[in-house]
Each structure stands twice: as C-alpha cells, then as structure tokens.
C-alpha cells in the first residue's frame, strides 16, 4: 500500500493497477484508499485488465 500511495502522489494522473491473488474485501478497500484505479484478482482479472487497457488506448487515440 505504501508503494501505491507514493506512486499516486508522484504521478497523480497515472492509471494504477493492482493485481493479486488475494480476494479480500479489506485489501481491496485499502488499495482504493491508497490510490489504485483498478484492482484485479488473478488469474481471472487479466481479461478485465486487457479490456481496460483497450479503453485507455481508444481514449488516447492509440492503435495497437
């Protein structure tokens, strides 16, 4: 959580993604409080990550 908070403070406009195998409500809540934008539970969350990255690419006009 410390790293997330530091990254959020240093790069406020960045998209912060946390991926973990721990599906714990307290951890999820702490991650969002620390500044995470997307919380993924492995392994199933990686399709969500792919979808979100495509949305960011489309928003910024990036063609893959």
Protein backbone atom coordinates (compact mmCIF):
# COMPACT_ATOMS: atom_id res chain seq x y z
CA UNK A 1 0.00 0.00 0.00
CA UNK A 2 2.93 2.31 0.66
CA UNK A 3 4.13 1.98 -2.93
CA UNK A 4 0.68 2.73 -4.29
CA UNK A 5 0.38 5.87 -2.16
CA UNK A 6 3.86 7.03 -3.24
CA UNK A 7 3.13 6.39 -6.90
CA UNK A 8 -0.20 8.21 -6.66
CA UNK A 9 1.47 11.21 -5.01
CA UNK A 10 4.30 11.33 -7.55
CA UNK A 11 2.22 10.54 -10.64
CA UNK A 12 -1.31 11.78 -9.91
CA UNK A 13 -2.57 11.36 -13.49
CA UNK A 14 -1.32 7.81 -13.96
CA UNK A 15 -3.50 4.70 -14.07
CA UNK A 16 -2.53 2.46 -11.16
CA UNK A 17 -3.45 -1.21 -11.39
CA UNK A 18 -3.04 -3.70 -8.55
CA UNK A 19 -3.14 -7.40 -9.38
CA UNK A 20 -3.12 -10.02 -6.66
CA UNK A 21 -4.42 -13.49 -5.96
CA UNK A 22 -5.92 -12.31 -2.65
CA UNK A 23 -9.65 -11.70 -2.99
CA UNK A 24 -10.08 -9.90 0.32
CA UNK A 25 -12.54 -7.01 0.79
CA UNK A 26 -10.33 -5.23 3.33
CA UNK A 27 -7.34 -5.37 0.97
CA UNK A 28 -9.45 -4.11 -1.91
CA UNK A 29 -10.74 -1.20 0.16
CA UNK A 30 -7.22 -0.33 1.35
CA UNK A 31 -5.94 -0.38 -2.23
CA UNK A 32 -8.57 2.12 -3.40
CA UNK A 33 -7.95 4.38 -0.40
CA UNK A 34 -4.21 4.29 -1.23
CA UNK A 35 -4.96 5.43 -4.80
CA UNK A 36 -5.37 2.38 -7.01
CA UNK A 37 -7.65 2.81 -10.05
CA UNK A 38 -8.15 -0.85 -10.93
CA UNK A 39 -7.97 -3.87 -8.62
CA UNK A 40 -7.66 -7.27 -10.30
CA UNK A 41 -7.81 -10.71 -8.75
CA UNK A 42 -5.56 -13.17 -10.59
CA UNK A 43 -5.91 -15.10 -12.77
CA UNK A 44 -9.40 -14.06 -13.87
CA UNK A 45 -8.79 -10.33 -13.66
CA UNK A 46 -6.39 -10.21 -16.58
CA UNK A 47 -9.17 -10.11 -19.18
CA UNK A 48 -10.50 -7.09 -17.32
CA UNK A 49 -7.02 -5.52 -17.48
CA UNK A 50 -6.87 -6.14 -21.23
CA UNK A 51 -10.32 -4.55 -21.70
CA UNK A 52 -9.38 -1.51 -19.60
CA UNK A 53 -6.11 -1.01 -21.49
CA UNK A 54 -8.03 -1.11 -24.76
CA UNK A 55 -10.34 1.60 -23.41
CA UNK A 56 -7.37 3.76 -22.45
CA UNK A 57 -5.82 3.24 -25.90
CA UNK A 58 -9.07 4.23 -27.59
CA UNK A 59 -9.46 7.28 -25.36
CA UNK A 60 -5.96 8.48 -26.24
CA UNK A 61 -6.14 7.52 -29.92
CA UNK A 62 -3.54 4.76 -29.65
CA UNK A 63 -3.86 1.97 -32.22
CA UNK A 64 -2.46 -1.41 -31.26
